[in-house]
Amino acid sequence: MMKEMDESPAAGRIDWSAWLAEYGPRLLIYARQQCRSEADAEDVMQDALVQLVHAVEGGSFTGTHAQWCSYAYTAIRHLAMDRGRHEQVRQRYVSSQQETLQEGAEETPWLSSAADDEYLRRKIEMLLKRLSPEFAEVVVLHIWGEHTFQQIADMTGNKLSTITSRYRYALQALRKELESTPIDFS
């Protein structure tokens, strides 16, 4: 893992590429879940990483690589909320014709990878998008982000009991949806 990498900026140059190789895919999945489009997710992730680099190399934020990851998740969440607010304002001035064209365009998948079975990936993504954003956020952070419920509570500013309830209710909703429209593996 990252143990051999020096975490102290004073001791030398930080190997950001190694850190990004380990944590980047998880951060991008979270950014995709938080944003409305692939382009927004990439922009939000980039902005969050720039904030992190400035904070760490400027000395205003110290800690381990795992803490850097928590910082990045929190920054992604806040930047995505800001972007969402700006998008709502912008959409008030967009004509209904443009909105119709945008809705017809296929979105970039959240969970894309070469090893994913396309059908299964689309079904899982569809099911996650049907959940309320708060429930989907907890599922994505816990399963794909590999965070504990306490870490998610700390990142989102919610109580641990709220996070565990959201996860439980999300799984119940997913189970109910799968029972009514099961995934066909044939």
Protein backbone atom coordinates (compact mmCIF):
# COMPACT_ATOMS: atom_id res chain seq x y z
CA MET A 1 0.00 0.00 0.00
CA MET A 2 1.15 3.55 0.71
CA LYS A 3 3.31 2.84 3.77
CA GLU A 4 6.62 3.36 1.98
CA MET A 5 5.50 6.73 0.66
CA ASP A 6 6.68 9.70 2.72
CA GLU A 7 3.73 11.66 4.11
CA SER A 8 5.68 14.71 5.25
CA PRO A 9 6.02 17.56 2.75
CA ALA A 10 9.02 18.83 4.71
CA ALA A 11 10.88 15.54 4.15
CA GLY A 12 10.65 15.85 0.39
CA ARG A 13 8.29 15.88 -2.54
CA ILE A 14 5.00 14.02 -2.07
CA ASP A 15 4.30 11.31 -4.62
CA TRP A 16 0.83 12.51 -5.57
CA SER A 17 0.61 10.15 -8.53
CA ALA A 18 0.96 7.12 -6.24
CA TRP A 19 -1.64 8.53 -3.86
CA LEU A 20 -4.00 9.27 -6.74
CA ALA A 21 -3.49 5.79 -8.21
CA GLU A 22 -4.66 4.27 -4.93
CA TYR A 23 -7.49 6.61 -4.00
CA GLY A 24 -8.48 8.21 -7.32
CA PRO A 25 -10.89 5.51 -8.59
CA ARG A 26 -12.86 5.58 -5.33
CA LEU A 27 -13.01 9.36 -5.34
CA LEU A 28 -14.22 9.39 -8.96
CA ILE A 29 -17.03 6.91 -8.21
CA TYR A 30 -18.15 9.15 -5.36
CA ALA A 31 -17.93 12.25 -7.55
CA ARG A 32 -20.05 10.51 -10.20
CA GLN A 33 -22.67 9.70 -7.57
CA GLN A 34 -22.70 13.29 -6.35
CA CYS A 35 -22.86 14.98 -9.77
CA ARG A 36 -25.31 15.03 -12.62
CA SER A 37 -22.84 14.27 -15.40
CA GLU A 38 -19.44 12.74 -16.04
CA ALA A 39 -17.98 16.14 -16.94
CA ASP A 40 -19.23 17.66 -13.68
CA ALA A 41 -17.85 14.71 -11.70
CA GLU A 42 -14.42 15.07 -13.28
CA ASP A 43 -14.41 18.84 -12.71
CA VAL A 44 -15.50 18.48 -9.09
CA MET A 45 -12.90 15.80 -8.43
CA GLN A 46 -10.16 17.91 -10.02
CA ASP A 47 -11.15 20.96 -7.98
CA ALA A 48 -11.21 18.88 -4.78
CA LEU A 49 -7.75 17.47 -5.52
CA VAL A 50 -6.37 20.94 -6.20
CA GLN A 51 -7.77 22.08 -2.84
CA LEU A 52 -6.17 19.08 -1.15
CA VAL A 53 -2.76 19.65 -2.74
CA HIS A 54 -2.79 23.33 -1.80
CA ALA A 55 -3.84 22.50 1.77
CA VAL A 56 -1.23 19.76 2.25
CA GLU A 57 1.68 21.43 0.51
CA GLY A 58 0.79 24.81 2.01
CA GLY A 59 0.87 23.29 5.49
CA SER A 60 -2.72 24.20 6.42
CA PHE A 61 -3.76 20.53 6.48
CA THR A 62 -1.65 17.69 7.83
CA GLY A 63 -2.35 14.07 8.45
CA THR A 64 -2.11 10.65 6.93
CA HIS A 65 -3.05 9.61 3.42
CA ALA A 66 -6.34 8.24 4.72
CA GLN A 67 -7.13 11.65 6.23
CA TRP A 68 -6.27 13.25 2.90
CA CYS A 69 -8.86 10.93 1.36
CA SER A 70 -11.51 12.06 3.86
CA TYR A 71 -10.62 15.66 3.08
CA ALA A 72 -11.05 14.95 -0.65
CA TYR A 73 -14.43 13.20 -0.12
CA THR A 74 -15.69 16.16 1.90
CA ALA A 75 -14.42 18.64 -0.70
CA ILE A 76 -16.10 16.65 -3.49
CA ARG A 77 -19.38 16.66 -1.59
CA HIS A 78 -19.30 20.42 -0.99
CA LEU A 79 -18.18 21.27 -4.52
CA ALA A 80 -20.88 19.03 -5.99
CA MET A 81 -23.54 20.75 -3.87
CA ASP A 82 -22.29 24.16 -5.04
CA ARG A 83 -22.27 23.00 -8.64
CA GLY A 84 -25.79 21.63 -8.21
CA ARG A 85 -27.05 24.97 -6.89
CA HIS A 86 -25.46 26.81 -9.81
CA GLU A 87 -26.96 24.30 -12.22
CA GLN A 88 -30.45 24.85 -10.81
CA VAL A 89 -30.14 28.58 -11.40
CA ARG A 90 -28.84 28.01 -14.92
CA GLN A 91 -31.65 25.59 -15.76
CA ARG A 92 -34.26 28.25 -15.02
CA TYR A 93 -33.03 30.04 -18.13
CA VAL A 94 -32.63 27.02 -20.40
CA SER A 95 -35.42 26.36 -22.85
CA SER A 96 -37.50 23.19 -22.61
CA GLN A 97 -36.17 22.09 -26.01
CA GLN A 98 -32.58 22.02 -24.72
CA GLU A 99 -33.64 20.11 -21.61
CA THR A 100 -35.37 17.50 -23.76
CA LEU A 101 -32.23 17.03 -25.85
CA GLN A 102 -30.06 16.65 -22.75
CA GLU A 103 -32.40 14.07 -21.21
CA GLY A 104 -32.19 11.98 -24.39
CA ALA A 105 -28.40 11.79 -24.29
CA GLU A 106 -26.97 8.68 -22.69
CA GLU A 107 -25.05 9.34 -19.50
CA THR A 108 -21.60 8.01 -18.71
CA PRO A 109 -21.96 5.14 -16.24
CA TRP A 110 -20.83 5.53 -12.62
CA LEU A 111 -19.47 2.05 -12.24
CA SER A 112 -17.72 1.54 -15.55
CA SER A 113 -14.68 -0.70 -15.78
CA ALA A 114 -13.45 -3.17 -18.34
CA ALA A 115 -14.35 -6.12 -16.10
CA ASP A 116 -17.97 -5.09 -15.45
CA ASP A 117 -20.72 -7.00 -17.11
CA GLU A 118 -22.55 -4.23 -18.96
CA TYR A 119 -26.05 -5.48 -18.23
CA LEU A 120 -25.42 -5.94 -14.52
CA ARG A 121 -23.68 -2.59 -14.26
CA ARG A 122 -26.63 -0.81 -15.90
CA LYS A 123 -29.13 -2.55 -13.61
CA ILE A 124 -27.17 -1.67 -10.46
CA GLU A 125 -26.75 1.91 -11.62
CA MET A 126 -30.47 2.17 -12.42
CA LEU A 127 -31.35 0.82 -8.97
CA LEU A 128 -28.98 3.25 -7.24
CA LYS A 129 -30.41 6.20 -9.16
CA ARG A 130 -33.91 5.26 -8.00
CA LEU A 131 -32.83 5.62 -4.37
CA SER A 132 -32.99 8.98 -2.67
CA PRO A 133 -29.62 10.77 -2.98
CA GLU A 134 -28.95 10.43 0.76
CA PHE A 135 -29.43 6.65 0.62
CA ALA A 136 -27.39 6.24 -2.58
CA GLU A 137 -24.59 8.32 -1.10
CA VAL A 138 -24.24 6.00 1.90
CA VAL A 139 -24.30 2.87 -0.29
CA VAL A 140 -21.66 4.24 -2.68
CA LEU A 141 -19.38 5.43 0.15
CA HIS A 142 -19.70 2.18 2.08
CA ILE A 143 -19.48 -0.36 -0.75
CA TRP A 144 -17.32 1.32 -3.40
CA GLY A 145 -15.58 3.86 -1.17
CA GLU A 146 -14.85 1.19 1.45
CA HIS A 147 -15.63 3.57 4.31
CA THR A 148 -16.98 2.61 7.70
CA PHE A 149 -20.30 4.04 8.80
CA GLN A 150 -18.47 6.24 11.32
CA GLN A 151 -16.25 7.65 8.57
CA ILE A 152 -19.33 8.37 6.44
CA ALA A 153 -21.02 10.07 9.38
CA ASP A 154 -17.94 12.23 9.91
CA MET A 155 -17.73 13.12 6.20
CA THR A 156 -21.40 14.02 5.81
CA GLY A 157 -21.92 15.61 9.22
CA ASN A 158 -24.72 13.21 10.11
CA LYS A 159 -25.16 11.02 13.18
CA LEU A 160 -23.89 7.44 13.02
CA SER A 161 -27.44 6.17 13.66
CA THR A 162 -28.70 8.19 10.68
CA ILE A 163 -26.05 6.71 8.40
CA THR A 164 -26.71 3.13 9.49
CA SER A 165 -30.47 3.65 9.09
CA ARG A 166 -30.01 5.09 5.61
CA TYR A 167 -27.87 2.10 4.64
CA ARG A 168 -30.41 -0.37 6.04
CA TYR A 169 -33.33 1.37 4.31
CA ALA A 170 -31.36 1.58 1.06
CA LEU A 171 -30.71 -2.17 1.12
CA GLN A 172 -34.39 -2.83 1.87
CA ALA A 173 -35.43 -0.62 -1.05
CA LEU A 174 -32.93 -2.32 -3.36
CA ARG A 175 -34.11 -5.77 -2.25
CA LYS A 176 -37.75 -4.82 -2.84
CA GLU A 177 -36.92 -3.46 -6.30
CA LEU A 178 -34.95 -6.60 -7.19
CA GLU A 179 -37.82 -8.82 -6.07
CA SER A 180 -40.24 -6.98 -8.35
CA THR A 181 -37.82 -6.83 -11.32
CA PRO A 182 -35.07 -9.42 -10.83
CA ILE A 183 -31.78 -9.25 -12.69
CA ASP A 184 -31.69 -11.76 -15.52
CA PHE A 185 -28.26 -13.38 -15.71
CA SER A 186 -29.04 -15.59 -18.69
